[in-house]
């Protein structure tokens, strides 16, 4: 498999939710073009098809250097999750429903 001639991506520059570096699993990353999760082999995204199902996705063969340990990745992922949780609303408030009008046949003329 050949790389796609794009510059090498460092794992430390990618968002932690776009990588999976769990200790007991194979490293995976999200394709920057189509968003598909692919296995990293030989520090490259494994080739896959584009949305049309025929042509090769331009993100196939993207070189990614894993310059993070799984422990560093897990800590950055937990920090990102805590940061996102702080931005989410805890409770949604709904407006009270207006009272239903009386039926037309009961309205005074």
C-alpha atoms as a PDB file:
ATOM      1  CA  UNK A   1       0.000   0.000   0.000  1.00  0.00           C
ATOM      2  CA  UNK A   2       1.291   3.441  -0.873  1.00  0.00           C
ATOM      3  CA  UNK A   3       0.688   6.617   1.064  1.00  0.00           C
ATOM      4  CA  UNK A   4      -1.359   9.456  -0.387  1.00  0.00           C
ATOM      5  CA  UNK A   5       1.511  11.996  -0.677  1.00  0.00           C
ATOM      6  CA  UNK A   6      -0.045  14.228   1.997  1.00  0.00           C
ATOM      7  CA  UNK A   7       2.014  15.526   4.928  1.00  0.00           C
ATOM      8  CA  UNK A   8       2.326  13.226   7.923  1.00  0.00           C
ATOM      9  CA  UNK A   9      -0.189  13.793  10.749  1.00  0.00           C
ATOM     10  CA  UNK A  10       1.013  13.607  14.335  1.00  0.00           C
ATOM     11  CA  UNK A  11      -1.360  11.880  16.728  1.00  0.00           C
ATOM     12  CA  UNK A  12      -0.669  14.596  19.304  1.00  0.00           C
ATOM     13  CA  UNK A  13      -2.109  17.248  16.953  1.00  0.00           C
ATOM     14  CA  UNK A  14      -5.354  15.336  16.355  1.00  0.00           C
ATOM     15  CA  UNK A  15      -8.392  15.621  18.613  1.00  0.00           C
ATOM     16  CA  UNK A  16      -8.431  12.724  21.096  1.00  0.00           C
ATOM     17  CA  UNK A  17     -11.914  11.649  20.002  1.00  0.00           C
ATOM     18  CA  UNK A  18     -10.567  10.977  16.488  1.00  0.00           C
ATOM     19  CA  UNK A  19      -8.148   8.308  17.730  1.00  0.00           C
ATOM     20  CA  UNK A  20      -8.487   5.008  19.528  1.00  0.00           C
ATOM     21  CA  UNK A  21      -5.297   3.910  21.264  1.00  0.00           C
ATOM     22  CA  UNK A  22      -6.708   1.505  23.842  1.00  0.00           C
ATOM     23  CA  UNK A  23      -3.925  -0.726  25.183  1.00  0.00           C
ATOM     24  CA  UNK A  24      -5.523  -4.074  24.262  1.00  0.00           C
ATOM     25  CA  UNK A  25      -6.812  -3.077  20.818  1.00  0.00           C
ATOM     26  CA  UNK A  26      -5.332  -2.215  17.457  1.00  0.00           C
ATOM     27  CA  UNK A  27      -4.822   1.507  16.917  1.00  0.00           C
ATOM     28  CA  UNK A  28      -7.581   3.158  14.908  1.00  0.00           C
ATOM     29  CA  UNK A  29      -8.159   6.643  13.544  1.00  0.00           C
ATOM     30  CA  UNK A  30     -10.872   8.549  11.723  1.00  0.00           C
ATOM     31  CA  UNK A  31     -10.347   9.310   8.045  1.00  0.00           C
ATOM     32  CA  UNK A  32     -10.110  13.083   7.675  1.00  0.00           C
ATOM     33  CA  UNK A  33     -12.016  13.018   4.379  1.00  0.00           C
ATOM     34  CA  UNK A  34     -14.964  10.676   4.918  1.00  0.00           C
ATOM     35  CA  UNK A  35     -15.088  10.216   8.704  1.00  0.00           C
ATOM     36  CA  UNK A  36     -14.775   6.407   8.606  1.00  0.00           C
ATOM     37  CA  UNK A  37     -12.938   4.620  11.420  1.00  0.00           C
ATOM     38  CA  UNK A  38     -10.025   2.664   9.960  1.00  0.00           C
ATOM     39  CA  UNK A  39      -7.253   0.499  11.389  1.00  0.00           C
ATOM     40  CA  UNK A  40      -3.715   1.874  11.322  1.00  0.00           C
ATOM     41  CA  UNK A  41      -1.235  -0.495   9.694  1.00  0.00           C
ATOM     42  CA  UNK A  42       2.361   0.493   9.029  1.00  0.00           C
ATOM     43  CA  UNK A  43       1.451   3.954  10.414  1.00  0.00           C
ATOM     44  CA  UNK A  44      -1.083   4.509   7.622  1.00  0.00           C
ATOM     45  CA  UNK A  45      -4.860   4.475   7.387  1.00  0.00           C
ATOM     46  CA  UNK A  46      -5.904   1.238   5.775  1.00  0.00           C
ATOM     47  CA  UNK A  47      -7.359   1.800   2.260  1.00  0.00           C
ATOM     48  CA  UNK A  48     -11.109   2.115   1.928  1.00  0.00           C
ATOM     49  CA  UNK A  49     -13.664   3.161  -0.655  1.00  0.00           C
ATOM     50  CA  UNK A  50     -15.245   6.571  -1.042  1.00  0.00           C
ATOM     51  CA  UNK A  51     -18.974   7.191  -0.629  1.00  0.00           C
ATOM     52  CA  UNK A  52     -19.666   6.070  -4.205  1.00  0.00           C
ATOM     53  CA  UNK A  53     -18.345   2.598  -3.349  1.00  0.00           C
ATOM     54  CA  UNK A  54     -16.107   2.423  -6.425  1.00  0.00           C
ATOM     55  CA  UNK A  55     -13.242   4.878  -6.149  1.00  0.00           C
ATOM     56  CA  UNK A  56     -10.661   4.914  -3.380  1.00  0.00           C
ATOM     57  CA  UNK A  57     -11.163   7.542  -0.681  1.00  0.00           C
ATOM     58  CA  UNK A  58      -8.530  10.310  -0.923  1.00  0.00           C
ATOM     59  CA  UNK A  59      -7.855   9.881   2.810  1.00  0.00           C
ATOM     60  CA  UNK A  60      -6.713   6.273   2.309  1.00  0.00           C
ATOM     61  CA  UNK A  61      -3.027   5.819   2.984  1.00  0.00           C
ATOM     62  CA  UNK A  62      -2.758   8.904   5.200  1.00  0.00           C
ATOM     63  CA  UNK A  63       0.388   8.576   7.304  1.00  0.00           C
ATOM     64  CA  UNK A  64      -0.149   9.076  11.045  1.00  0.00           C
ATOM     65  CA  UNK A  65       2.729   9.011  13.522  1.00  0.00           C
ATOM     66  CA  UNK A  66       1.681   7.719  16.938  1.00  0.00           C
ATOM     67  CA  UNK A  67       3.708  10.020  19.176  1.00  0.00           C
ATOM     68  CA  UNK A  68       1.393   9.413  22.167  1.00  0.00           C
ATOM     69  CA  UNK A  69       1.350   6.556  24.615  1.00  0.00           C
ATOM     70  CA  UNK A  70      -2.034   4.994  25.395  1.00  0.00           C
ATOM     71  CA  UNK A  71      -1.885   6.540  28.895  1.00  0.00           C
ATOM     72  CA  UNK A  72      -1.289  10.039  27.475  1.00  0.00           C
ATOM     73  CA  UNK A  73      -4.124   9.556  24.994  1.00  0.00           C
ATOM     74  CA  UNK A  74      -6.536   8.362  27.722  1.00  0.00           C
ATOM     75  CA  UNK A  75      -5.729  11.354  29.919  1.00  0.00           C
ATOM     76  CA  UNK A  76      -6.274  13.822  27.051  1.00  0.00           C
ATOM     77  CA  UNK A  77      -9.537  12.052  26.168  1.00  0.00           C
ATOM     78  CA  UNK A  78     -10.813  12.302  29.742  1.00  0.00           C
ATOM     79  CA  UNK A  79      -9.920  16.018  29.866  1.00  0.00           C
ATOM     80  CA  UNK A  80     -11.792  16.592  26.598  1.00  0.00           C
ATOM     81  CA  UNK A  81     -14.847  14.707  27.910  1.00  0.00           C
ATOM     82  CA  UNK A  82     -14.899  16.767  31.117  1.00  0.00           C
ATOM     83  CA  UNK A  83     -14.569  19.967  29.095  1.00  0.00           C
ATOM     84  CA  UNK A  84     -17.491  19.012  26.852  1.00  0.00           C
ATOM     85  CA  UNK A  85     -19.636  17.990  29.830  1.00  0.00           C
ATOM     86  CA  UNK A  86     -19.173  21.445  31.341  1.00  0.00           C
ATOM     87  CA  UNK A  87     -20.599  23.101  28.237  1.00  0.00           C
ATOM     88  CA  UNK A  88     -23.761  21.001  28.115  1.00  0.00           C
ATOM     89  CA  UNK A  89     -26.961  22.194  29.726  1.00  0.00           C
ATOM     90  CA  UNK A  90     -27.961  20.144  32.734  1.00  0.00           C
ATOM     91  CA  UNK A  91     -31.689  20.688  32.413  1.00  0.00           C
ATOM     92  CA  UNK A  92     -33.970  21.971  29.711  1.00  0.00           C
ATOM     93  CA  UNK A  93     -36.751  24.320  30.648  1.00  0.00           C
ATOM     94  CA  UNK A  94     -39.984  24.229  28.717  1.00  0.00           C
ATOM     95  CA  UNK A  95     -42.543  26.985  28.553  1.00  0.00           C
ATOM     96  CA  UNK A  96     -45.909  26.318  30.182  1.00  0.00           C
ATOM     97  CA  UNK A  97     -48.630  25.400  27.725  1.00  0.00           C
ATOM     98  CA  UNK A  98     -51.320  28.068  27.268  1.00  0.00           C
ATOM     99  CA  UNK A  99     -54.794  27.121  28.482  1.00  0.00           C
ATOM    100  CA  UNK A 100     -57.043  25.549  25.863  1.00  0.00           C
ATOM    101  CA  UNK A 101     -59.763  27.922  24.599  1.00  0.00           C
ATOM    102  CA  UNK A 102     -63.373  26.916  25.190  1.00  0.00           C
ATOM    103  CA  UNK A 103     -65.202  25.172  22.328  1.00  0.00           C
ATOM    104  CA  UNK A 104     -66.989  27.450  19.859  1.00  0.00           C
ATOM    105  CA  UNK A 105     -70.480  26.167  20.697  1.00  0.00           C
ATOM    106  CA  UNK A 106     -69.979  27.169  24.360  1.00  0.00           C
ATOM    107  CA  UNK A 107     -68.821  30.710  23.634  1.00  0.00           C
ATOM    108  CA  UNK A 108     -71.304  33.489  24.397  1.00  0.00           C
ATOM    109  CA  UNK A 109     -72.500  35.465  21.416  1.00  0.00           C
END
